[in-house]
Amino acid sequence: MKTLSLVASKGGVGKSTLAACLAVEGVQRGLSVVVADLDPQGSLVDWRKSREQEEPYYANTTTARLGEGRKLLADDGADLLIVDTPPGHLATLEAAAKESDVLLVPVKPSPVDLRAIGPTIEIIKRIGVPFAFVLNMTVSRSLVTDEAREALAEFGTVAPGSIAHRVDYARAMMAGLTAPEVSRGAAAEEVATLYNFIKAIGEPDHA
């Protein structure tokens, strides 16, 4: 079983939405996917409760029990665990990183968000877990997105493409769905591209 955690010390970067999208993408590709939410705000929990579909499954765990939970899920035959983490709580971010095979760091292309990545990068570099940035909530044909990609590349790998700022992402989350389930258009292509990239650095080989 592989574990992917979405981490960022800054809030409002879209971790929960991306976690849900990637989990559903994994399910659609035939994996047994489990999501876990370490954020007290419980955005991913709320999404899962409002979802009619049985999968992805939800693991009710805590930061302290994440390691134990991973072993139990692996024994039960899960292929992929996706963990959502809270902003501003570096101890939880670090604990999740230590239990992960790969980390995804969502970043909005703005000066404020770029300046806020420091604490996250320090933890990731110290632990040594494979990671990548993904530009999230981008505006099409915006020079600032290209500039943000160049800036992030100085600190690590940046996922190809980006996740655009689309109403479908928020609208789908409210209904217990994901944007690719609501509209099989550009959002579906964005998520599939990101999933394929993550698969290459930390997903089950048979996916």
N, C-alpha and C. Protein backbone atom coordinates (compact mmCIF):
# COMPACT_ATOMS: atom_id res chain seq x y z
N MET A 1 0.83 -1.20 0.00
CA MET A 1 0.00 0.00 0.00
C MET A 1 0.87 1.25 0.00
N LYS A 2 0.51 2.20 -0.81
CA LYS A 2 1.20 3.49 -0.86
C LYS A 2 0.41 4.53 -0.09
N THR A 3 1.13 5.45 0.51
CA THR A 3 0.50 6.54 1.25
C THR A 3 0.93 7.87 0.67
N LEU A 4 -0.06 8.66 0.27
CA LEU A 4 0.15 10.00 -0.25
C LEU A 4 -0.45 11.00 0.73
N SER A 5 0.34 11.94 1.19
CA SER A 5 -0.19 12.99 2.06
C SER A 5 -0.11 14.33 1.35
N LEU A 6 -1.16 15.11 1.51
CA LEU A 6 -1.17 16.48 0.99
C LEU A 6 -0.83 17.41 2.14
N VAL A 7 0.25 18.15 1.97
CA VAL A 7 0.78 18.97 3.06
C VAL A 7 1.05 20.38 2.60
N ALA A 8 0.79 21.32 3.49
CA ALA A 8 1.12 22.73 3.26
C ALA A 8 0.86 23.47 4.56
N SER A 9 1.82 24.26 4.98
CA SER A 9 1.65 24.98 6.24
C SER A 9 0.62 26.11 6.10
N LYS A 10 0.39 26.57 4.87
CA LYS A 10 -0.58 27.64 4.65
C LYS A 10 -1.96 27.06 4.34
N GLY A 11 -2.98 27.69 4.85
CA GLY A 11 -4.34 27.25 4.57
C GLY A 11 -4.86 27.82 3.27
N GLY A 12 -6.00 27.28 2.83
CA GLY A 12 -6.67 27.81 1.65
C GLY A 12 -6.03 27.46 0.33
N VAL A 13 -5.19 26.42 0.31
CA VAL A 13 -4.51 26.06 -0.94
C VAL A 13 -5.19 24.90 -1.66
N GLY A 14 -6.26 24.35 -1.07
CA GLY A 14 -7.03 23.32 -1.76
C GLY A 14 -6.62 21.89 -1.52
N LYS A 15 -6.03 21.61 -0.37
CA LYS A 15 -5.58 20.24 -0.08
C LYS A 15 -6.74 19.25 -0.08
N SER A 16 -7.82 19.59 0.60
CA SER A 16 -8.94 18.65 0.74
C SER A 16 -9.57 18.34 -0.61
N THR A 17 -9.74 19.36 -1.43
CA THR A 17 -10.34 19.15 -2.74
C THR A 17 -9.47 18.26 -3.61
N LEU A 18 -8.17 18.49 -3.59
CA LEU A 18 -7.27 17.65 -4.37
C LEU A 18 -7.23 16.23 -3.82
N ALA A 19 -7.28 16.08 -2.51
CA ALA A 19 -7.29 14.75 -1.92
C ALA A 19 -8.50 13.96 -2.40
N ALA A 20 -9.66 14.60 -2.40
CA ALA A 20 -10.87 13.94 -2.86
C ALA A 20 -10.77 13.58 -4.34
N CYS A 21 -10.29 14.51 -5.15
CA CYS A 21 -10.18 14.26 -6.60
C CYS A 21 -9.24 13.10 -6.90
N LEU A 22 -8.11 13.08 -6.24
CA LEU A 22 -7.14 12.02 -6.50
C LEU A 22 -7.63 10.67 -5.99
N ALA A 23 -8.36 10.69 -4.87
CA ALA A 23 -8.92 9.44 -4.34
C ALA A 23 -9.93 8.84 -5.30
N VAL A 24 -10.82 9.66 -5.82
CA VAL A 24 -11.82 9.16 -6.75
C VAL A 24 -11.17 8.71 -8.06
N GLU A 25 -10.15 9.41 -8.48
CA GLU A 25 -9.42 9.00 -9.69
C GLU A 25 -8.82 7.61 -9.49
N GLY A 26 -8.27 7.36 -8.31
CA GLY A 26 -7.71 6.05 -8.02
C GLY A 26 -8.77 4.96 -8.03
N VAL A 27 -9.93 5.27 -7.45
CA VAL A 27 -11.03 4.31 -7.45
C VAL A 27 -11.45 3.98 -8.88
N GLN A 28 -11.55 5.00 -9.70
CA GLN A 28 -11.97 4.79 -11.09
C GLN A 28 -10.96 3.97 -11.89
N ARG A 29 -9.74 3.91 -11.39
CA ARG A 29 -8.72 3.11 -12.05
C ARG A 29 -8.57 1.72 -11.43
N GLY A 30 -9.49 1.39 -10.55
CA GLY A 30 -9.54 0.03 -10.03
C GLY A 30 -8.82 -0.22 -8.72
N LEU A 31 -8.40 0.84 -8.05
CA LEU A 31 -7.70 0.66 -6.78
C LEU A 31 -8.67 0.68 -5.60
N SER A 32 -8.24 0.05 -4.53
CA SER A 32 -8.94 0.17 -3.26
C SER A 32 -8.31 1.36 -2.53
N VAL A 33 -9.06 2.47 -2.47
CA VAL A 33 -8.52 3.73 -1.95
C VAL A 33 -9.19 4.09 -0.64
N VAL A 34 -8.37 4.57 0.29
CA VAL A 34 -8.86 5.02 1.60
C VAL A 34 -8.40 6.46 1.81
N VAL A 35 -9.26 7.28 2.37
CA VAL A 35 -8.87 8.65 2.72
C VAL A 35 -8.90 8.81 4.23
N ALA A 36 -8.01 9.65 4.71
CA ALA A 36 -7.95 9.98 6.14
C ALA A 36 -7.80 11.48 6.28
N ASP A 37 -8.42 12.03 7.31
CA ASP A 37 -8.43 13.48 7.51
C ASP A 37 -7.87 13.81 8.88
N LEU A 38 -6.70 14.43 8.91
CA LEU A 38 -6.08 14.83 10.18
C LEU A 38 -6.37 16.28 10.53
N ASP A 39 -7.15 16.95 9.70
CA ASP A 39 -7.49 18.35 9.91
C ASP A 39 -8.73 18.47 10.79
N PRO A 40 -8.64 19.15 11.93
CA PRO A 40 -9.81 19.31 12.80
C PRO A 40 -11.01 19.95 12.10
N GLN A 41 -10.78 20.73 11.05
CA GLN A 41 -11.89 21.33 10.33
C GLN A 41 -12.73 20.27 9.63
N GLY A 42 -12.12 19.15 9.29
CA GLY A 42 -12.86 18.01 8.76
C GLY A 42 -13.49 18.20 7.40
N SER A 43 -12.86 18.97 6.53
CA SER A 43 -13.44 19.19 5.20
C SER A 43 -13.56 17.89 4.41
N LEU A 44 -12.54 17.04 4.50
CA LEU A 44 -12.58 15.78 3.77
C LEU A 44 -13.60 14.82 4.40
N VAL A 45 -13.72 14.88 5.72
CA VAL A 45 -14.72 14.06 6.41
C VAL A 45 -16.12 14.46 5.95
N ASP A 46 -16.37 15.76 5.92
CA ASP A 46 -17.69 16.25 5.49
C ASP A 46 -17.99 15.81 4.06
N TRP A 47 -16.98 15.89 3.21
CA TRP A 47 -17.16 15.45 1.82
C TRP A 47 -17.53 13.99 1.78
N ARG A 48 -16.82 13.18 2.55
CA ARG A 48 -17.08 11.73 2.52
C ARG A 48 -18.47 11.40 3.07
N LYS A 49 -18.90 12.10 4.09
CA LYS A 49 -20.22 11.86 4.67
C LYS A 49 -21.34 12.20 3.69
N SER A 50 -21.10 13.20 2.86
CA SER A 50 -22.14 13.61 1.91
C SER A 50 -22.09 12.81 0.61
N ARG A 51 -21.15 11.90 0.51
CA ARG A 51 -20.97 11.13 -0.72
C ARG A 51 -21.83 9.86 -0.68
N GLU A 52 -22.60 9.62 -1.70
CA GLU A 52 -23.46 8.44 -1.78
C GLU A 52 -22.68 7.19 -2.16
N GLN A 53 -21.65 7.36 -2.98
CA GLN A 53 -20.86 6.21 -3.41
C GLN A 53 -20.08 5.62 -2.23
N GLU A 54 -19.91 4.31 -2.26
CA GLU A 54 -19.23 3.63 -1.15
C GLU A 54 -17.74 3.97 -1.09
N GLU A 55 -17.15 4.13 -2.26
CA GLU A 55 -15.71 4.40 -2.32
C GLU A 55 -15.44 5.84 -2.74
N PRO A 56 -14.30 6.38 -2.34
CA PRO A 56 -13.25 5.78 -1.54
C PRO A 56 -13.69 5.59 -0.09
N TYR A 57 -13.06 4.64 0.56
CA TYR A 57 -13.38 4.37 1.95
C TYR A 57 -12.75 5.44 2.84
N TYR A 58 -13.27 5.53 4.06
CA TYR A 58 -12.74 6.52 5.00
C TYR A 58 -12.18 5.82 6.24
N ALA A 59 -10.98 6.23 6.64
CA ALA A 59 -10.35 5.69 7.84
C ALA A 59 -10.39 6.74 8.94
N ASN A 60 -11.06 6.43 10.02
CA ASN A 60 -11.16 7.34 11.15
C ASN A 60 -9.92 7.16 12.02
N THR A 61 -8.93 7.99 11.80
CA THR A 61 -7.67 7.85 12.52
C THR A 61 -7.22 9.19 13.05
N THR A 62 -6.15 9.18 13.81
CA THR A 62 -5.57 10.39 14.36
C THR A 62 -4.10 10.45 13.97
N THR A 63 -3.48 11.57 14.24
CA THR A 63 -2.07 11.70 13.93
C THR A 63 -1.25 10.64 14.66
N ALA A 64 -1.56 10.43 15.93
CA ALA A 64 -0.80 9.47 16.73
C ALA A 64 -1.00 8.03 16.27
N ARG A 65 -2.15 7.75 15.67
CA ARG A 65 -2.46 6.37 15.28
C ARG A 65 -2.27 6.13 13.79
N LEU A 66 -1.71 7.10 13.08
CA LEU A 66 -1.60 6.96 11.63
C LEU A 66 -0.73 5.77 11.23
N GLY A 67 0.40 5.59 11.90
CA GLY A 67 1.28 4.48 11.58
C GLY A 67 0.60 3.14 11.77
N GLU A 68 -0.09 2.99 12.89
CA GLU A 68 -0.83 1.76 13.17
C GLU A 68 -1.94 1.56 12.15
N GLY A 69 -2.62 2.66 11.82
CA GLY A 69 -3.70 2.58 10.85
C GLY A 69 -3.22 2.15 9.48
N ARG A 70 -2.05 2.61 9.08
CA ARG A 70 -1.49 2.21 7.79
C ARG A 70 -1.29 0.70 7.72
N LYS A 71 -0.77 0.14 8.78
CA LYS A 71 -0.52 -1.30 8.79
C LYS A 71 -1.83 -2.08 8.69
N LEU A 72 -2.83 -1.64 9.41
CA LEU A 72 -4.12 -2.33 9.37
C LEU A 72 -4.75 -2.24 7.98
N LEU A 73 -4.66 -1.08 7.37
CA LEU A 73 -5.23 -0.91 6.04
C LEU A 73 -4.49 -1.76 5.01
N ALA A 74 -3.18 -1.82 5.14
CA ALA A 74 -2.39 -2.65 4.23
C ALA A 74 -2.78 -4.11 4.38
N ASP A 75 -2.97 -4.55 5.62
CA ASP A 75 -3.37 -5.93 5.87
C ASP A 75 -4.75 -6.22 5.30
N ASP A 76 -5.59 -5.20 5.26
CA ASP A 76 -6.95 -5.36 4.72
C ASP A 76 -6.99 -5.29 3.19
N GLY A 77 -5.85 -5.02 2.58
CA GLY A 77 -5.79 -5.03 1.12
C GLY A 77 -5.95 -3.69 0.43
N ALA A 78 -5.84 -2.60 1.19
CA ALA A 78 -5.94 -1.29 0.56
C ALA A 78 -4.72 -1.05 -0.34
N ASP A 79 -4.94 -0.37 -1.45
CA ASP A 79 -3.86 -0.05 -2.37
C ASP A 79 -3.27 1.32 -2.14
N LEU A 80 -4.11 2.25 -1.76
CA LEU A 80 -3.68 3.64 -1.66
C LEU A 80 -4.39 4.33 -0.51
N LEU A 81 -3.60 5.00 0.34
CA LEU A 81 -4.13 5.84 1.42
C LEU A 81 -3.77 7.28 1.11
N ILE A 82 -4.77 8.15 1.11
CA ILE A 82 -4.55 9.57 0.88
C ILE A 82 -4.90 10.32 2.16
N VAL A 83 -3.94 11.09 2.65
CA VAL A 83 -4.08 11.77 3.94
C VAL A 83 -4.15 13.28 3.74
N ASP A 84 -5.18 13.89 4.29
CA ASP A 84 -5.31 15.34 4.29
C ASP A 84 -4.79 15.86 5.62
N THR A 85 -4.07 16.97 5.60
CA THR A 85 -3.47 17.51 6.82
C THR A 85 -3.91 18.95 7.05
N PRO A 86 -3.82 19.42 8.30
CA PRO A 86 -4.27 20.78 8.60
C PRO A 86 -3.20 21.81 8.28
N PRO A 87 -3.61 23.04 8.01
CA PRO A 87 -2.63 24.12 7.83
C PRO A 87 -2.15 24.62 9.19
N GLY A 88 -0.95 25.14 9.21
CA GLY A 88 -0.47 25.80 10.41
C GLY A 88 -0.10 24.90 11.57
N HIS A 89 -0.20 23.58 11.40
CA HIS A 89 0.14 22.65 12.48
C HIS A 89 1.31 21.80 12.00
N LEU A 90 2.51 22.31 12.23
CA LEU A 90 3.70 21.69 11.66
C LEU A 90 3.97 20.31 12.26
N ALA A 91 3.58 20.09 13.51
CA ALA A 91 3.81 18.78 14.13
C ALA A 91 3.00 17.70 13.41
N THR A 92 1.76 18.01 13.05
CA THR A 92 0.94 17.06 12.31
C THR A 92 1.48 16.85 10.91
N LEU A 93 1.89 17.95 10.28
CA LEU A 93 2.48 17.84 8.95
C LEU A 93 3.70 16.91 8.98
N GLU A 94 4.54 17.09 9.95
CA GLU A 94 5.75 16.26 10.05
C GLU A 94 5.40 14.80 10.32
N ALA A 95 4.44 14.57 11.20
CA ALA A 95 4.05 13.20 11.51
C ALA A 95 3.49 12.50 10.28
N ALA A 96 2.67 13.20 9.51
CA ALA A 96 2.11 12.62 8.29
C ALA A 96 3.20 12.35 7.27
N ALA A 97 4.14 13.26 7.16
CA ALA A 97 5.24 13.09 6.21
C ALA A 97 6.06 11.85 6.52
N LYS A 98 6.28 11.60 7.80
CA LYS A 98 7.07 10.43 8.19
C LYS A 98 6.37 9.12 7.85
N GLU A 99 5.05 9.15 7.73
CA GLU A 99 4.29 7.94 7.44
C GLU A 99 3.92 7.84 5.95
N SER A 100 4.49 8.70 5.13
CA SER A 100 4.09 8.77 3.72
C SER A 100 5.17 8.25 2.79
N ASP A 101 4.73 7.77 1.64
CA ASP A 101 5.65 7.37 0.58
C ASP A 101 5.93 8.52 -0.37
N VAL A 102 4.98 9.42 -0.47
CA VAL A 102 5.13 10.60 -1.34
C VAL A 102 4.26 11.71 -0.80
N LEU A 103 4.71 12.95 -0.99
CA LEU A 103 3.99 14.12 -0.51
C LEU A 103 3.65 15.03 -1.69
N LEU A 104 2.49 15.63 -1.62
CA LEU A 104 2.06 16.61 -2.61
C LEU A 104 1.83 17.93 -1.90
N VAL A 105 2.46 18.98 -2.40
CA VAL A 105 2.37 20.30 -1.78
C VAL A 105 1.62 21.24 -2.72
N PRO A 106 0.34 21.48 -2.48
CA PRO A 106 -0.41 22.43 -3.31
C PRO A 106 0.01 23.86 -3.00
N VAL A 107 0.18 24.64 -4.04
CA VAL A 107 0.57 26.04 -3.87
C VAL A 107 -0.24 26.90 -4.83
N LYS A 108 -0.84 27.95 -4.32
CA LYS A 108 -1.51 28.92 -5.19
C LYS A 108 -0.46 29.87 -5.75
N PRO A 109 -0.59 30.25 -7.03
CA PRO A 109 0.42 31.11 -7.64
C PRO A 109 0.26 32.57 -7.23
N SER A 110 0.68 32.86 -6.02
CA SER A 110 0.64 34.23 -5.53
C SER A 110 1.88 34.47 -4.67
N PRO A 111 2.35 35.70 -4.59
CA PRO A 111 3.52 35.99 -3.76
C PRO A 111 3.35 35.56 -2.31
N VAL A 112 2.16 35.76 -1.77
CA VAL A 112 1.90 35.38 -0.37
C VAL A 112 2.07 33.88 -0.18
N ASP A 113 1.53 33.09 -1.10
CA ASP A 113 1.62 31.65 -0.98
C ASP A 113 3.04 31.14 -1.20
N LEU A 114 3.74 31.74 -2.14
CA LEU A 114 5.11 31.33 -2.40
C LEU A 114 6.00 31.61 -1.19
N ARG A 115 5.78 32.74 -0.54
CA ARG A 115 6.59 33.07 0.63
C ARG A 115 6.30 32.14 1.81
N ALA A 116 5.13 31.49 1.78
CA ALA A 116 4.72 30.67 2.93
C ALA A 116 5.20 29.23 2.86
N ILE A 117 5.90 28.84 1.79
CA ILE A 117 6.28 27.43 1.65
C ILE A 117 7.48 27.03 2.49
N GLY A 118 8.19 28.01 3.04
CA GLY A 118 9.42 27.73 3.78
C GLY A 118 9.32 26.65 4.84
N PRO A 119 8.40 26.78 5.81
CA PRO A 119 8.31 25.77 6.86
C PRO A 119 8.00 24.37 6.34
N THR A 120 7.16 24.29 5.30
CA THR A 120 6.83 22.99 4.72
C THR A 120 8.05 22.35 4.09
N ILE A 121 8.81 23.12 3.34
CA ILE A 121 10.00 22.59 2.67
C ILE A 121 11.04 22.16 3.69
N GLU A 122 11.20 22.90 4.75
CA GLU A 122 12.18 22.54 5.78
C GLU A 122 11.87 21.15 6.35
N ILE A 123 10.61 20.89 6.64
CA ILE A 123 10.23 19.59 7.19
C ILE A 123 10.45 18.49 6.17
N ILE A 124 10.01 18.71 4.94
CA ILE A 124 10.13 17.69 3.91
C ILE A 124 11.60 17.35 3.65
N LYS A 125 12.43 18.35 3.54
CA LYS A 125 13.85 18.12 3.27
C LYS A 125 14.50 17.36 4.43
N ARG A 126 14.09 17.67 5.63
CA ARG A 126 14.67 17.02 6.80
C ARG A 126 14.30 15.55 6.86
N ILE A 127 13.07 15.23 6.49
CA ILE A 127 12.60 13.85 6.54
C ILE A 127 13.07 13.06 5.32
N GLY A 128 13.15 13.72 4.18
CA GLY A 128 13.66 13.06 2.99
C GLY A 128 12.64 12.25 2.21
N VAL A 129 11.36 12.61 2.32
CA VAL A 129 10.32 11.90 1.58
C VAL A 129 10.19 12.50 0.18
N PRO A 130 10.01 11.68 -0.86
CA PRO A 130 9.78 12.23 -2.20
C PRO A 130 8.57 13.16 -2.20
N PHE A 131 8.68 14.28 -2.90
CA PHE A 131 7.58 15.22 -2.91
C PHE A 131 7.55 15.98 -4.22
N ALA A 132 6.43 16.65 -4.44
CA ALA A 132 6.30 17.54 -5.59
C ALA A 132 5.31 18.64 -5.26
N PHE A 133 5.52 19.78 -5.86
CA PHE A 133 4.56 20.87 -5.78
C PHE A 133 3.52 20.68 -6.87
N VAL A 134 2.32 21.21 -6.63
CA VAL A 134 1.33 21.32 -7.70
C VAL A 134 0.72 22.71 -7.61
N LEU A 135 0.70 23.40 -8.74
CA LEU A 135 0.08 24.72 -8.79
C LEU A 135 -1.43 24.55 -8.83
N ASN A 136 -2.10 25.14 -7.86
CA ASN A 136 -3.53 24.94 -7.70
C ASN A 136 -4.27 26.28 -7.76
N MET A 137 -5.53 26.21 -8.22
CA MET A 137 -6.37 27.40 -8.32
C MET A 137 -5.74 28.45 -9.24
N THR A 138 -5.23 28.02 -10.36
CA THR A 138 -4.57 28.93 -11.28
C THR A 138 -5.58 29.61 -12.22
N VAL A 139 -5.15 30.72 -12.78
CA VAL A 139 -5.94 31.45 -13.77
C VAL A 139 -5.28 31.25 -15.12
N SER A 140 -6.06 30.90 -16.12
CA SER A 140 -5.50 30.60 -17.44
C SER A 140 -4.79 31.80 -18.05
N ARG A 141 -3.73 31.50 -18.79
CA ARG A 141 -2.94 32.50 -19.50
C ARG A 141 -2.46 33.63 -18.57
N SER A 142 -2.06 33.22 -17.36
CA SER A 142 -1.59 34.20 -16.39
C SER A 142 -0.07 34.09 -16.24
N LEU A 143 0.60 35.22 -16.39
CA LEU A 143 2.05 35.23 -16.28
C LEU A 143 2.49 34.83 -14.87
N VAL A 144 1.69 35.14 -13.86
CA VAL A 144 2.08 34.83 -12.49
C VAL A 144 2.18 33.32 -12.27
N THR A 145 1.40 32.54 -13.01
CA THR A 145 1.50 31.08 -12.88
C THR A 145 2.85 30.58 -13.38
N ASP A 146 3.29 31.09 -14.51
CA ASP A 146 4.60 30.71 -15.04
C ASP A 146 5.72 31.15 -14.10
N GLU A 147 5.59 32.32 -13.54
CA GLU A 147 6.60 32.81 -12.61
C GLU A 147 6.64 31.96 -11.34
N ALA A 148 5.46 31.55 -10.87
CA ALA A 148 5.40 30.70 -9.68
C ALA A 148 6.05 29.34 -9.95
N ARG A 149 5.81 28.80 -11.13
CA ARG A 149 6.42 27.51 -11.48
C ARG A 149 7.94 27.61 -11.46
N GLU A 150 8.47 28.68 -12.01
CA GLU A 150 9.92 28.88 -12.02
C GLU A 150 10.47 29.02 -10.60
N ALA A 151 9.74 29.74 -9.76
CA ALA A 151 10.19 29.94 -8.39
C ALA A 151 10.18 28.63 -7.60
N LEU A 152 9.13 27.84 -7.76
CA LEU A 152 9.02 26.58 -7.04
C LEU A 152 10.06 25.57 -7.50
N ALA A 153 10.41 25.62 -8.78
CA ALA A 153 11.38 24.67 -9.33
C ALA A 153 12.74 24.79 -8.66
N GLU A 154 13.01 25.91 -8.04
CA GLU A 154 14.27 26.08 -7.32
C GLU A 154 14.31 25.24 -6.04
N PHE A 155 13.14 24.84 -5.55
CA PHE A 155 13.07 24.09 -4.30
C PHE A 155 12.75 22.61 -4.50
N GLY A 156 12.24 22.24 -5.67
CA GLY A 156 11.89 20.84 -5.89
C GLY A 156 11.10 20.67 -7.18
N THR A 157 10.65 19.45 -7.39
CA THR A 157 9.91 19.11 -8.60
C THR A 157 8.52 19.75 -8.58
N VAL A 158 8.09 20.25 -9.72
CA VAL A 158 6.75 20.81 -9.87
C VAL A 158 5.98 19.92 -10.83
N ALA A 159 4.80 19.49 -10.42
CA ALA A 159 3.98 18.63 -11.25
C ALA A 159 3.65 19.31 -12.57
N PRO A 160 3.60 18.55 -13.64
CA PRO A 160 3.24 19.15 -14.94
C PRO A 160 1.81 19.65 -14.93
N GLY A 161 1.55 20.65 -15.76
CA GLY A 161 0.21 21.20 -15.80
C GLY A 161 -0.12 21.94 -14.51
N SER A 162 -1.39 22.17 -14.30
CA SER A 162 -1.84 22.84 -13.08
C SER A 162 -3.32 22.55 -12.91
N ILE A 163 -3.84 22.91 -11.74
CA ILE A 163 -5.26 22.76 -11.45
C ILE A 163 -5.88 24.15 -11.47
N ALA A 164 -6.76 24.38 -12.41
CA ALA A 164 -7.32 25.72 -12.60
C ALA A 164 -8.37 26.05 -11.54
N HIS A 165 -8.60 27.32 -11.38
CA HIS A 165 -9.66 27.79 -10.48
C HIS A 165 -10.99 27.64 -11.22
N ARG A 166 -11.74 26.59 -10.87
CA ARG A 166 -13.00 26.29 -11.54
C ARG A 166 -14.12 26.14 -10.50
N VAL A 167 -15.27 26.63 -10.83
CA VAL A 167 -16.43 26.51 -9.94
C VAL A 167 -16.78 25.05 -9.71
N ASP A 168 -16.55 24.21 -10.71
CA ASP A 168 -16.91 22.80 -10.60
C ASP A 168 -16.24 22.11 -9.41
N TYR A 169 -15.03 22.51 -9.06
CA TYR A 169 -14.34 21.86 -7.94
C TYR A 169 -15.10 22.08 -6.63
N ALA A 170 -15.47 23.31 -6.35
CA ALA A 170 -16.19 23.61 -5.11
C ALA A 170 -17.61 23.06 -5.15
N ARG A 171 -18.26 23.20 -6.27
CA ARG A 171 -19.65 22.74 -6.40
C ARG A 171 -19.75 21.23 -6.21
N ALA A 172 -18.80 20.51 -6.77
CA ALA A 172 -18.81 19.05 -6.64
C ALA A 172 -18.54 18.62 -5.20
N MET A 173 -17.61 19.27 -4.53
CA MET A 173 -17.30 18.90 -3.15
C MET A 173 -18.52 19.02 -2.25
N MET A 174 -19.34 20.02 -2.47
CA MET A 174 -20.53 20.23 -1.66
C MET A 174 -21.53 19.09 -1.82
N ALA A 175 -21.46 18.41 -2.96
CA ALA A 175 -22.39 17.31 -3.25
C ALA A 175 -21.78 15.94 -3.00
N GLY A 176 -20.59 15.90 -2.40
CA GLY A 176 -19.94 14.62 -2.16
C GLY A 176 -19.35 14.01 -3.41
N LEU A 177 -19.07 14.85 -4.39
CA LEU A 177 -18.51 14.39 -5.66
C LEU A 177 -17.18 15.10 -5.91
N THR A 178 -16.61 14.90 -7.09
CA THR A 178 -15.43 15.63 -7.50
C THR A 178 -15.70 16.26 -8.86
N ALA A 179 -14.91 17.26 -9.20
CA ALA A 179 -15.13 17.97 -10.46
C ALA A 179 -15.11 17.04 -11.67
N PRO A 180 -14.18 16.08 -11.75
CA PRO A 180 -14.21 15.17 -12.90
C PRO A 180 -15.48 14.33 -12.98
N GLU A 181 -16.14 14.08 -11.84
CA GLU A 181 -17.40 13.34 -11.87
C GLU A 181 -18.55 14.21 -12.35
N VAL A 182 -18.43 15.51 -12.10
CA VAL A 182 -19.48 16.44 -12.50
C VAL A 182 -19.35 16.81 -13.96
N SER A 183 -18.11 17.00 -14.40
CA SER A 183 -17.86 17.43 -15.78
C SER A 183 -16.62 16.73 -16.30
N ARG A 184 -16.81 15.89 -17.30
CA ARG A 184 -15.68 15.14 -17.85
C ARG A 184 -14.91 15.97 -18.86
N GLY A 185 -14.64 17.21 -18.53
CA GLY A 185 -13.94 18.10 -19.44
C GLY A 185 -12.55 18.41 -18.96
N ALA A 186 -12.24 19.70 -18.88
CA ALA A 186 -10.89 20.12 -18.53
C ALA A 186 -10.49 19.69 -17.12
N ALA A 187 -11.43 19.71 -16.18
CA ALA A 187 -11.09 19.30 -14.81
C ALA A 187 -10.65 17.85 -14.77
N ALA A 188 -11.34 17.00 -15.51
CA ALA A 188 -10.98 15.58 -15.56
C ALA A 188 -9.57 15.39 -16.11
N GLU A 189 -9.24 16.17 -17.11
CA GLU A 189 -7.91 16.07 -17.71
C GLU A 189 -6.84 16.56 -16.73
N GLU A 190 -7.14 17.62 -16.01
CA GLU A 190 -6.19 18.14 -15.02
C GLU A 190 -5.89 17.11 -13.94
N VAL A 191 -6.94 16.52 -13.40
CA VAL A 191 -6.77 15.55 -12.31
C VAL A 191 -6.06 14.30 -12.81
N ALA A 192 -6.41 13.84 -14.01
CA ALA A 192 -5.77 12.65 -14.57
C ALA A 192 -4.27 12.89 -14.79
N THR A 193 -3.93 14.07 -15.26
CA THR A 193 -2.52 14.40 -15.47
C THR A 193 -1.75 14.40 -14.16
N LEU A 194 -2.35 14.99 -13.13
CA LEU A 194 -1.71 15.02 -11.82
C LEU A 194 -1.59 13.62 -11.25
N TYR A 195 -2.65 12.83 -11.39
CA TYR A 195 -2.63 11.46 -10.86
C TYR A 195 -1.53 10.65 -11.54
N ASN A 196 -1.43 10.75 -12.85
CA ASN A 196 -0.41 10.00 -13.58
C ASN A 196 0.99 10.38 -13.12
N PHE A 197 1.18 11.66 -12.84
CA PHE A 197 2.48 12.12 -12.38
C PHE A 197 2.79 11.53 -11.00
N ILE A 198 1.81 11.59 -10.10
CA ILE A 198 2.03 11.06 -8.75
C ILE A 198 2.25 9.54 -8.80
N LYS A 199 1.51 8.88 -9.66
CA LYS A 199 1.66 7.43 -9.82
C LYS A 199 3.09 7.06 -10.12
N ALA A 200 3.76 7.86 -10.92
CA ALA A 200 5.13 7.55 -11.31
C ALA A 200 6.11 7.66 -10.16
N ILE A 201 5.77 8.48 -9.14
CA ILE A 201 6.70 8.65 -8.03
C ILE A 201 6.24 8.01 -6.74
N GLY A 202 5.02 7.43 -6.72
CA GLY A 202 4.62 6.86 -5.45
C GLY A 202 3.34 6.10 -5.44
N GLU A 203 2.84 5.67 -6.60
CA GLU A 203 1.60 4.93 -6.63
C GLU A 203 1.87 3.45 -6.84
N PRO A 204 0.89 2.61 -6.57
CA PRO A 204 1.06 1.17 -6.82
C PRO A 204 1.38 0.91 -8.28
N ASP A 205 2.32 0.02 -8.53
CA ASP A 205 2.79 -0.23 -9.88
C ASP A 205 1.70 -0.79 -10.79
N HIS A 206 0.69 -1.46 -10.21
CA HIS A 206 -0.32 -2.09 -11.06
C HIS A 206 -1.48 -1.16 -11.38
N ALA A 207 -1.42 0.09 -10.88
CA ALA A 207 -2.54 1.00 -11.12
C ALA A 207 -2.61 1.39 -12.58
